[in-house]
């Protein structure tokens, strides 16, 4: 997914550059481009780096958590705070990058900055222990796909967009667009007693989670619905039924159900703020 997002960003920027006059074909006619050729193409590498700088595929990276109280630049980040790193803004910081909103691959020629997490001014894949595990594969694939398509084809804009010069290369942020004060699944206008756990509300009710009922869309809806939904839907029912059938359960240290902490924390997934500690009893 990351590789394809970045490939289209690369091609968009190349076609939108008024100095490029479109995406030229490689002069190596009749030559099949191999992965080993990438190291001999410094300008291609510069294009990919510049695209990652302007359009990181995960603009806010993966959420981090502060394990202790930390002071950074005079600010205190409290323990257990969720931290989002704005890689998109870092890549356009005018104190670091000259003409930061312009597509200028030449800035990386003769420059040792790369995207592998060692240079904090360019971290589209993150850095440190939480760096993206797919970075090595994505890094190779983006270069190889881009150079193969540029080598094999000449590219032009379609007739409709040809007259819309310059191409608009704006980013659209959607991953973190959430409403914490009125989540869809807890709207009192839709659900009576919305914060209560009441499975009975779904008995003799046709609402399901498969994207057809917009009041319950935890997997999304439409063409962009989660492709793993069918498997997840089957596995959750099977695992839960198997565990409830095979064991009785009790809370740790004699905790009462009414004392359980049911608060949640937001990230790529929704998790309990305090992990559940339950003890199985063989039946």
C-alpha atoms as a PDB file:
ATOM      1  CA  UNK A   1       0.000   0.000   0.000  1.00  0.00           C
ATOM      2  CA  UNK A   2       2.777   2.430   0.975  1.00  0.00           C
ATOM      3  CA  UNK A   3       4.691   1.573  -2.212  1.00  0.00           C
ATOM      4  CA  UNK A   4       1.707   2.291  -4.476  1.00  0.00           C
ATOM      5  CA  UNK A   5       0.806   5.528  -2.672  1.00  0.00           C
ATOM      6  CA  UNK A   6       4.343   6.791  -3.077  1.00  0.00           C
ATOM      7  CA  UNK A   7       4.591   5.663  -6.705  1.00  0.00           C
ATOM      8  CA  UNK A   8       1.568   7.761  -7.699  1.00  0.00           C
ATOM      9  CA  UNK A   9       2.873  10.679  -5.679  1.00  0.00           C
ATOM     10  CA  UNK A  10       6.194  10.382  -7.530  1.00  0.00           C
ATOM     11  CA  UNK A  11       4.541  10.325 -10.936  1.00  0.00           C
ATOM     12  CA  UNK A  12       2.235  13.227 -10.050  1.00  0.00           C
ATOM     13  CA  UNK A  13       5.160  15.397  -9.004  1.00  0.00           C
ATOM     14  CA  UNK A  14       7.189  14.510 -12.098  1.00  0.00           C
ATOM     15  CA  UNK A  15       4.293  15.378 -14.408  1.00  0.00           C
ATOM     16  CA  UNK A  16       3.521  18.564 -12.485  1.00  0.00           C
ATOM     17  CA  UNK A  17       7.084  19.872 -12.732  1.00  0.00           C
ATOM     18  CA  UNK A  18       7.080  22.503 -15.517  1.00  0.00           C
ATOM     19  CA  UNK A  19      10.785  21.874 -16.096  1.00  0.00           C
ATOM     20  CA  UNK A  20      10.357  18.165 -16.720  1.00  0.00           C
ATOM     21  CA  UNK A  21       8.083  18.443 -19.817  1.00  0.00           C
ATOM     22  CA  UNK A  22       6.392  15.227 -18.782  1.00  0.00           C
ATOM     23  CA  UNK A  23       7.978  11.993 -17.649  1.00  0.00           C
ATOM     24  CA  UNK A  24      10.735  11.127 -20.110  1.00  0.00           C
ATOM     25  CA  UNK A  25      11.698   7.607 -21.057  1.00  0.00           C
ATOM     26  CA  UNK A  26      15.058   6.237 -20.073  1.00  0.00           C
ATOM     27  CA  UNK A  27      17.784   6.437 -22.745  1.00  0.00           C
ATOM     28  CA  UNK A  28      18.548   2.734 -22.142  1.00  0.00           C
ATOM     29  CA  UNK A  29      16.277   1.506 -24.916  1.00  0.00           C
ATOM     30  CA  UNK A  30      16.058  -2.286 -25.091  1.00  0.00           C
ATOM     31  CA  UNK A  31      17.493  -2.657 -21.579  1.00  0.00           C
ATOM     32  CA  UNK A  32      15.528  -4.384 -18.814  1.00  0.00           C
ATOM     33  CA  UNK A  33      15.963  -2.409 -15.609  1.00  0.00           C
ATOM     34  CA  UNK A  34      17.168  -4.486 -12.666  1.00  0.00           C
ATOM     35  CA  UNK A  35      17.190  -3.688  -8.966  1.00  0.00           C
ATOM     36  CA  UNK A  36      20.991  -3.557  -9.107  1.00  0.00           C
ATOM     37  CA  UNK A  37      20.719  -0.563 -11.488  1.00  0.00           C
ATOM     38  CA  UNK A  38      19.056   1.653  -8.848  1.00  0.00           C
ATOM     39  CA  UNK A  39      22.368   2.576  -7.205  1.00  0.00           C
ATOM     40  CA  UNK A  40      23.540   3.990 -10.571  1.00  0.00           C
ATOM     41  CA  UNK A  41      20.589   6.380 -10.807  1.00  0.00           C
ATOM     42  CA  UNK A  42      21.191   9.172  -8.248  1.00  0.00           C
ATOM     43  CA  UNK A  43      18.580  11.489  -9.733  1.00  0.00           C
ATOM     44  CA  UNK A  44      15.905   8.796  -9.436  1.00  0.00           C
ATOM     45  CA  UNK A  45      16.858   8.343  -5.783  1.00  0.00           C
ATOM     46  CA  UNK A  46      16.629  12.115  -5.308  1.00  0.00           C
ATOM     47  CA  UNK A  47      13.126  12.144  -6.839  1.00  0.00           C
ATOM     48  CA  UNK A  48      11.950   9.435  -4.430  1.00  0.00           C
ATOM     49  CA  UNK A  49      13.430  11.242  -1.407  1.00  0.00           C
ATOM     50  CA  UNK A  50      11.834  14.532  -2.456  1.00  0.00           C
ATOM     51  CA  UNK A  51       8.475  12.797  -2.865  1.00  0.00           C
ATOM     52  CA  UNK A  52       8.744  11.228   0.580  1.00  0.00           C
ATOM     53  CA  UNK A  53       9.570  14.680   1.964  1.00  0.00           C
ATOM     54  CA  UNK A  54       6.543  16.378   0.392  1.00  0.00           C
ATOM     55  CA  UNK A  55       4.060  13.507   0.621  1.00  0.00           C
ATOM     56  CA  UNK A  56       4.876  10.995   3.387  1.00  0.00           C
ATOM     57  CA  UNK A  57       2.457   8.049   3.033  1.00  0.00           C
ATOM     58  CA  UNK A  58       1.673   8.131   6.794  1.00  0.00           C
ATOM     59  CA  UNK A  59       1.781  11.879   7.582  1.00  0.00           C
ATOM     60  CA  UNK A  60       1.348  11.410  11.359  1.00  0.00           C
ATOM     61  CA  UNK A  61       3.246   8.104  11.532  1.00  0.00           C
ATOM     62  CA  UNK A  62       2.108   5.477  14.065  1.00  0.00           C
ATOM     63  CA  UNK A  63       1.049   6.732  17.520  1.00  0.00           C
ATOM     64  CA  UNK A  64       3.738   6.626  20.215  1.00  0.00           C
ATOM     65  CA  UNK A  65       3.371   6.555  23.987  1.00  0.00           C
ATOM     66  CA  UNK A  66       5.555   8.339  26.545  1.00  0.00           C
ATOM     67  CA  UNK A  67       6.788   5.755  29.077  1.00  0.00           C
ATOM     68  CA  UNK A  68       7.926   8.454  31.534  1.00  0.00           C
ATOM     69  CA  UNK A  69       7.570  12.212  31.994  1.00  0.00           C
ATOM     70  CA  UNK A  70       9.775  13.811  29.341  1.00  0.00           C
ATOM     71  CA  UNK A  71      10.902  17.414  28.820  1.00  0.00           C
ATOM     72  CA  UNK A  72      11.436  18.440  25.198  1.00  0.00           C
ATOM     73  CA  UNK A  73      12.342  21.996  24.195  1.00  0.00           C
ATOM     74  CA  UNK A  74      10.902  23.361  27.422  1.00  0.00           C
ATOM     75  CA  UNK A  75       7.642  21.394  27.172  1.00  0.00           C
ATOM     76  CA  UNK A  76       6.690  18.528  29.487  1.00  0.00           C
ATOM     77  CA  UNK A  77       5.168  15.435  27.928  1.00  0.00           C
ATOM     78  CA  UNK A  78       3.406  13.566  30.769  1.00  0.00           C
ATOM     79  CA  UNK A  79       3.809   9.840  31.255  1.00  0.00           C
ATOM     80  CA  UNK A  80       1.364   7.696  29.218  1.00  0.00           C
ATOM     81  CA  UNK A  81       0.626  10.565  26.793  1.00  0.00           C
ATOM     82  CA  UNK A  82      -0.147   9.525  23.239  1.00  0.00           C
ATOM     83  CA  UNK A  83       2.285  11.261  20.890  1.00  0.00           C
ATOM     84  CA  UNK A  84       1.696  11.847  17.169  1.00  0.00           C
ATOM     85  CA  UNK A  85       4.713  12.889  15.084  1.00  0.00           C
ATOM     86  CA  UNK A  86       3.805  15.254  12.237  1.00  0.00           C
ATOM     87  CA  UNK A  87       6.235  13.959   9.590  1.00  0.00           C
ATOM     88  CA  UNK A  88       4.370  15.991   6.951  1.00  0.00           C
ATOM     89  CA  UNK A  89       5.130  19.282   8.738  1.00  0.00           C
ATOM     90  CA  UNK A  90       8.741  18.269   9.470  1.00  0.00           C
ATOM     91  CA  UNK A  91       9.287  17.682   5.765  1.00  0.00           C
ATOM     92  CA  UNK A  92       8.094  21.232   5.009  1.00  0.00           C
ATOM     93  CA  UNK A  93       9.838  23.078   7.832  1.00  0.00           C
ATOM     94  CA  UNK A  94      11.273  26.294   6.297  1.00  0.00           C
ATOM     95  CA  UNK A  95      14.000  26.389   8.961  1.00  0.00           C
ATOM     96  CA  UNK A  96      15.339  23.092   7.570  1.00  0.00           C
ATOM     97  CA  UNK A  97      14.375  23.119   3.876  1.00  0.00           C
ATOM     98  CA  UNK A  98      14.842  26.007   1.480  1.00  0.00           C
ATOM     99  CA  UNK A  99      11.732  26.632  -0.634  1.00  0.00           C
ATOM    100  CA  UNK A 100      10.030  23.800   1.284  1.00  0.00           C
ATOM    101  CA  UNK A 101       6.812  23.528  -0.755  1.00  0.00           C
ATOM    102  CA  UNK A 102       8.593  23.197  -4.099  1.00  0.00           C
ATOM    103  CA  UNK A 103       9.452  19.905  -5.782  1.00  0.00           C
ATOM    104  CA  UNK A 104      13.247  20.183  -6.069  1.00  0.00           C
ATOM    105  CA  UNK A 105      14.898  16.737  -6.252  1.00  0.00           C
ATOM    106  CA  UNK A 106      18.262  18.421  -6.833  1.00  0.00           C
ATOM    107  CA  UNK A 107      18.427  19.277  -3.117  1.00  0.00           C
ATOM    108  CA  UNK A 108      19.292  15.618  -2.453  1.00  0.00           C
ATOM    109  CA  UNK A 109      22.065  15.307  -5.025  1.00  0.00           C
ATOM    110  CA  UNK A 110      25.371  15.033  -3.180  1.00  0.00           C
ATOM    111  CA  UNK A 111      23.434  14.918   0.120  1.00  0.00           C
ATOM    112  CA  UNK A 112      23.679  12.067   2.636  1.00  0.00           C
ATOM    113  CA  UNK A 113      20.159  12.518   4.065  1.00  0.00           C
ATOM    114  CA  UNK A 114      18.016   9.421   3.591  1.00  0.00           C
ATOM    115  CA  UNK A 115      14.640   8.058   4.748  1.00  0.00           C
ATOM    116  CA  UNK A 116      15.959   5.240   6.944  1.00  0.00           C
ATOM    117  CA  UNK A 117      15.379   6.953  10.284  1.00  0.00           C
ATOM    118  CA  UNK A 118      18.855   8.367  10.900  1.00  0.00           C
ATOM    119  CA  UNK A 119      18.008  11.899   9.761  1.00  0.00           C
ATOM    120  CA  UNK A 120      15.148  13.386  11.760  1.00  0.00           C
ATOM    121  CA  UNK A 121      14.387  16.040   9.144  1.00  0.00           C
ATOM    122  CA  UNK A 122      13.143  13.243   6.842  1.00  0.00           C
ATOM    123  CA  UNK A 123      11.281  10.441   8.650  1.00  0.00           C
ATOM    124  CA  UNK A 124       8.405   9.236   6.428  1.00  0.00           C
ATOM    125  CA  UNK A 125       8.823   5.741   7.932  1.00  0.00           C
ATOM    126  CA  UNK A 126       9.474   6.858  11.501  1.00  0.00           C
ATOM    127  CA  UNK A 127      12.685   6.243  13.432  1.00  0.00           C
ATOM    128  CA  UNK A 128      14.116   4.228  16.285  1.00  0.00           C
ATOM    129  CA  UNK A 129      12.603   0.988  17.573  1.00  0.00           C
ATOM    130  CA  UNK A 130       9.159   1.852  16.188  1.00  0.00           C
ATOM    131  CA  UNK A 131      10.369   2.451  12.627  1.00  0.00           C
ATOM    132  CA  UNK A 132       8.167   0.874   9.939  1.00  0.00           C
ATOM    133  CA  UNK A 133       9.021  -2.817   9.539  1.00  0.00           C
ATOM    134  CA  UNK A 134       8.171  -2.640   5.848  1.00  0.00           C
ATOM    135  CA  UNK A 135      10.720   0.100   5.085  1.00  0.00           C
ATOM    136  CA  UNK A 136      13.333  -2.145   3.346  1.00  0.00           C
ATOM    137  CA  UNK A 137      10.735  -3.687   1.020  1.00  0.00           C
ATOM    138  CA  UNK A 138       8.897  -0.408   0.336  1.00  0.00           C
ATOM    139  CA  UNK A 139      12.181   1.421  -0.345  1.00  0.00           C
ATOM    140  CA  UNK A 140      13.239  -1.148  -2.939  1.00  0.00           C
ATOM    141  CA  UNK A 141       9.819  -1.482  -4.549  1.00  0.00           C
ATOM    142  CA  UNK A 142       9.160   2.252  -4.974  1.00  0.00           C
ATOM    143  CA  UNK A 143      12.447   2.746  -6.824  1.00  0.00           C
ATOM    144  CA  UNK A 144      12.038  -0.364  -8.964  1.00  0.00           C
ATOM    145  CA  UNK A 145       8.390   0.259  -9.908  1.00  0.00           C
ATOM    146  CA  UNK A 146       9.031   3.915 -10.729  1.00  0.00           C
ATOM    147  CA  UNK A 147      12.137   3.362 -12.848  1.00  0.00           C
ATOM    148  CA  UNK A 148      10.533   0.400 -14.660  1.00  0.00           C
ATOM    149  CA  UNK A 149       7.469   2.394 -15.679  1.00  0.00           C
ATOM    150  CA  UNK A 150       9.458   5.496 -16.635  1.00  0.00           C
ATOM    151  CA  UNK A 151      11.842   3.336 -18.647  1.00  0.00           C
ATOM    152  CA  UNK A 152       9.104   1.430 -20.461  1.00  0.00           C
ATOM    153  CA  UNK A 153       6.629   4.215 -21.255  1.00  0.00           C
ATOM    154  CA  UNK A 154       6.355   7.882 -22.083  1.00  0.00           C
ATOM    155  CA  UNK A 155       3.696   9.564 -19.959  1.00  0.00           C
ATOM    156  CA  UNK A 156       1.292  12.423 -20.561  1.00  0.00           C
ATOM    157  CA  UNK A 157      -1.776  13.851 -18.870  1.00  0.00           C
ATOM    158  CA  UNK A 158      -5.194  12.937 -20.226  1.00  0.00           C
ATOM    159  CA  UNK A 159      -6.999  15.451 -22.422  1.00  0.00           C
ATOM    160  CA  UNK A 160      -9.157  16.731 -19.559  1.00  0.00           C
ATOM    161  CA  UNK A 161      -6.328  17.433 -17.143  1.00  0.00           C
ATOM    162  CA  UNK A 162      -3.856  18.641 -19.773  1.00  0.00           C
ATOM    163  CA  UNK A 163      -5.391  22.117 -19.638  1.00  0.00           C
ATOM    164  CA  UNK A 164      -5.402  22.205 -15.818  1.00  0.00           C
ATOM    165  CA  UNK A 165      -1.754  23.241 -15.510  1.00  0.00           C
ATOM    166  CA  UNK A 166      -0.256  23.244 -12.978  1.00  0.00           C
ATOM    167  CA  UNK A 167      -1.403  19.934 -11.536  1.00  0.00           C
ATOM    168  CA  UNK A 168      -2.795  20.291  -8.016  1.00  0.00           C
ATOM    169  CA  UNK A 169      -0.784  18.061  -5.666  1.00  0.00           C
ATOM    170  CA  UNK A 170      -2.570  18.728  -2.399  1.00  0.00           C
ATOM    171  CA  UNK A 171      -2.601  16.114   0.353  1.00  0.00           C
ATOM    172  CA  UNK A 172      -5.800  14.882   1.981  1.00  0.00           C
ATOM    173  CA  UNK A 173      -5.698  13.809   5.618  1.00  0.00           C
ATOM    174  CA  UNK A 174      -8.363  11.283   6.589  1.00  0.00           C
ATOM    175  CA  UNK A 175      -6.883   8.754   8.996  1.00  0.00           C
ATOM    176  CA  UNK A 176      -7.188  10.908  12.088  1.00  0.00           C
ATOM    177  CA  UNK A 177     -10.489  12.644  11.313  1.00  0.00           C
ATOM    178  CA  UNK A 178     -12.467  11.571  14.383  1.00  0.00           C
ATOM    179  CA  UNK A 179     -15.140  13.186  16.512  1.00  0.00           C
ATOM    180  CA  UNK A 180     -14.511  12.324  20.155  1.00  0.00           C
ATOM    181  CA  UNK A 181     -17.430  14.337  21.544  1.00  0.00           C
ATOM    182  CA  UNK A 182     -20.110  12.624  19.415  1.00  0.00           C
ATOM    183  CA  UNK A 183     -18.856   9.324  17.953  1.00  0.00           C
ATOM    184  CA  UNK A 184     -21.205   7.811  15.384  1.00  0.00           C
ATOM    185  CA  UNK A 185     -21.656   4.644  17.436  1.00  0.00           C
ATOM    186  CA  UNK A 186     -22.752   6.587  20.539  1.00  0.00           C
ATOM    187  CA  UNK A 187     -25.144   9.142  19.132  1.00  0.00           C
ATOM    188  CA  UNK A 188     -28.104   9.432  21.538  1.00  0.00           C
ATOM    189  CA  UNK A 189     -30.321  10.310  18.581  1.00  0.00           C
ATOM    190  CA  UNK A 190     -29.618   6.827  17.162  1.00  0.00           C
ATOM    191  CA  UNK A 191     -28.975   4.650  20.186  1.00  0.00           C
ATOM    192  CA  UNK A 192     -31.001   4.816  23.431  1.00  0.00           C
ATOM    193  CA  UNK A 193     -28.710   4.780  26.478  1.00  0.00           C
ATOM    194  CA  UNK A 194     -25.735   4.848  24.081  1.00  0.00           C
ATOM    195  CA  UNK A 195     -22.936   4.348  26.631  1.00  0.00           C
ATOM    196  CA  UNK A 196     -24.456   1.214  28.173  1.00  0.00           C
ATOM    197  CA  UNK A 197     -23.533  -2.365  27.180  1.00  0.00           C
ATOM    198  CA  UNK A 198     -26.872  -3.755  25.965  1.00  0.00           C
ATOM    199  CA  UNK A 199     -26.552  -6.686  23.524  1.00  0.00           C
ATOM    200  CA  UNK A 200     -30.340  -7.034  23.681  1.00  0.00           C
ATOM    201  CA  UNK A 201     -30.683  -4.004  21.416  1.00  0.00           C
ATOM    202  CA  UNK A 202     -29.534  -6.172  18.473  1.00  0.00           C
ATOM    203  CA  UNK A 203     -31.932  -9.055  19.091  1.00  0.00           C
ATOM    204  CA  UNK A 204     -34.534  -9.106  16.302  1.00  0.00           C
ATOM    205  CA  UNK A 205     -32.646  -6.206  14.680  1.00  0.00           C
ATOM    206  CA  UNK A 206     -31.315  -6.279  11.107  1.00  0.00           C
ATOM    207  CA  UNK A 207     -28.458  -3.814  11.696  1.00  0.00           C
ATOM    208  CA  UNK A 208     -25.032  -5.374  11.097  1.00  0.00           C
ATOM    209  CA  UNK A 209     -21.380  -4.310  10.711  1.00  0.00           C
ATOM    210  CA  UNK A 210     -21.011  -5.077   6.986  1.00  0.00           C
ATOM    211  CA  UNK A 211     -21.212  -1.489   5.781  1.00  0.00           C
ATOM    212  CA  UNK A 212     -24.875  -1.295   4.824  1.00  0.00           C
ATOM    213  CA  UNK A 213     -26.027   0.397   8.047  1.00  0.00           C
ATOM    214  CA  UNK A 214     -24.250   3.713   8.541  1.00  0.00           C
ATOM    215  CA  UNK A 215     -25.021   3.883  12.240  1.00  0.00           C
ATOM    216  CA  UNK A 216     -22.634   0.924  12.753  1.00  0.00           C
ATOM    217  CA  UNK A 217     -19.623   1.121  10.425  1.00  0.00           C
ATOM    218  CA  UNK A 218     -16.647  -0.067  12.455  1.00  0.00           C
ATOM    219  CA  UNK A 219     -15.108  -1.609   9.293  1.00  0.00           C
ATOM    220  CA  UNK A 220     -16.042   1.348   7.065  1.00  0.00           C
ATOM    221  CA  UNK A 221     -18.406   1.172   4.119  1.00  0.00           C
ATOM    222  CA  UNK A 222     -18.536   1.296   0.341  1.00  0.00           C
ATOM    223  CA  UNK A 223     -15.624   0.465  -1.929  1.00  0.00           C
ATOM    224  CA  UNK A 224     -13.065   1.343   0.760  1.00  0.00           C
ATOM    225  CA  UNK A 225     -14.509  -1.032   3.370  1.00  0.00           C
ATOM    226  CA  UNK A 226     -11.898  -3.076   5.228  1.00  0.00           C
ATOM    227  CA  UNK A 227     -10.948  -6.070   3.002  1.00  0.00           C
ATOM    228  CA  UNK A 228     -10.284  -8.161   6.126  1.00  0.00           C
ATOM    229  CA  UNK A 229     -13.834  -7.718   7.406  1.00  0.00           C
ATOM    230  CA  UNK A 230     -15.175 -11.179   6.345  1.00  0.00           C
ATOM    231  CA  UNK A 231     -12.303 -13.006   8.061  1.00  0.00           C
ATOM    232  CA  UNK A 232     -12.389 -10.782  11.162  1.00  0.00           C
ATOM    233  CA  UNK A 233     -16.168 -11.183  11.465  1.00  0.00           C
ATOM    234  CA  UNK A 234     -15.905 -14.992  11.443  1.00  0.00           C
ATOM    235  CA  UNK A 235     -12.868 -15.214  13.728  1.00  0.00           C
ATOM    236  CA  UNK A 236     -14.210 -12.882  16.443  1.00  0.00           C
ATOM    237  CA  UNK A 237     -17.401 -14.921  16.797  1.00  0.00           C
ATOM    238  CA  UNK A 238     -15.536 -18.251  16.740  1.00  0.00           C
ATOM    239  CA  UNK A 239     -12.840 -17.243  19.242  1.00  0.00           C
ATOM    240  CA  UNK A 240     -15.296 -15.639  21.657  1.00  0.00           C
ATOM    241  CA  UNK A 241     -17.705 -18.592  21.531  1.00  0.00           C
ATOM    242  CA  UNK A 242     -14.864 -21.090  21.989  1.00  0.00           C
ATOM    243  CA  UNK A 243     -13.433 -19.286  25.024  1.00  0.00           C
ATOM    244  CA  UNK A 244     -16.805 -18.765  26.689  1.00  0.00           C
ATOM    245  CA  UNK A 245     -17.811 -22.406  26.023  1.00  0.00           C
ATOM    246  CA  UNK A 246     -14.555 -23.946  27.283  1.00  0.00           C
ATOM    247  CA  UNK A 247     -13.958 -21.897  30.427  1.00  0.00           C
ATOM    248  CA  UNK A 248     -15.623 -19.938  33.177  1.00  0.00           C
ATOM    249  CA  UNK A 249     -13.980 -16.560  33.793  1.00  0.00           C
ATOM    250  CA  UNK A 250     -13.314 -14.358  36.789  1.00  0.00           C
ATOM    251  CA  UNK A 251     -11.579 -11.024  37.280  1.00  0.00           C
ATOM    252  CA  UNK A 252      -8.130 -10.850  38.821  1.00  0.00           C
ATOM    253  CA  UNK A 253      -7.718 -10.221  42.567  1.00  0.00           C
ATOM    254  CA  UNK A 254     -11.450 -10.460  43.231  1.00  0.00           C
ATOM    255  CA  UNK A 255     -12.263  -7.275  41.331  1.00  0.00           C
ATOM    256  CA  UNK A 256     -15.966  -6.596  40.930  1.00  0.00           C
ATOM    257  CA  UNK A 257     -17.419  -5.965  37.440  1.00  0.00           C
ATOM    258  CA  UNK A 258     -18.652  -2.506  38.431  1.00  0.00           C
ATOM    259  CA  UNK A 259     -15.064  -1.508  39.290  1.00  0.00           C
ATOM    260  CA  UNK A 260     -13.611  -2.355  35.887  1.00  0.00           C
ATOM    261  CA  UNK A 261     -11.962   0.503  33.983  1.00  0.00           C
ATOM    262  CA  UNK A 262     -13.678   0.567  30.576  1.00  0.00           C
ATOM    263  CA  UNK A 263     -11.959   3.739  29.279  1.00  0.00           C
ATOM    264  CA  UNK A 264     -10.371   3.596  25.834  1.00  0.00           C
ATOM    265  CA  UNK A 265      -7.341   5.011  24.050  1.00  0.00           C
ATOM    266  CA  UNK A 266      -7.314   6.030  20.407  1.00  0.00           C
ATOM    267  CA  UNK A 267      -4.694   5.030  17.842  1.00  0.00           C
ATOM    268  CA  UNK A 268      -4.677   3.074  14.591  1.00  0.00           C
ATOM    269  CA  UNK A 269      -6.994   0.788  16.556  1.00  0.00           C
ATOM    270  CA  UNK A 270      -9.245   1.407  19.560  1.00  0.00           C
ATOM    271  CA  UNK A 271      -7.895  -0.289  22.688  1.00  0.00           C
ATOM    272  CA  UNK A 272      -8.724  -0.454  26.383  1.00  0.00           C
ATOM    273  CA  UNK A 273      -6.709   2.091  28.340  1.00  0.00           C
ATOM    274  CA  UNK A 274      -6.178  -0.547  31.054  1.00  0.00           C
ATOM    275  CA  UNK A 275      -5.658  -4.116  29.762  1.00  0.00           C
ATOM    276  CA  UNK A 276      -8.209  -6.700  30.860  1.00  0.00           C
ATOM    277  CA  UNK A 277      -6.867  -9.244  33.337  1.00  0.00           C
ATOM    278  CA  UNK A 278      -9.186 -12.239  33.443  1.00  0.00           C
ATOM    279  CA  UNK A 279      -8.519 -15.717  34.838  1.00  0.00           C
ATOM    280  CA  UNK A 280      -9.941 -18.788  33.035  1.00  0.00           C
ATOM    281  CA  UNK A 281     -11.462 -21.578  35.115  1.00  0.00           C
ATOM    282  CA  UNK A 282     -11.754 -25.018  33.558  1.00  0.00           C
ATOM    283  CA  UNK A 283     -15.336 -26.253  33.349  1.00  0.00           C
END
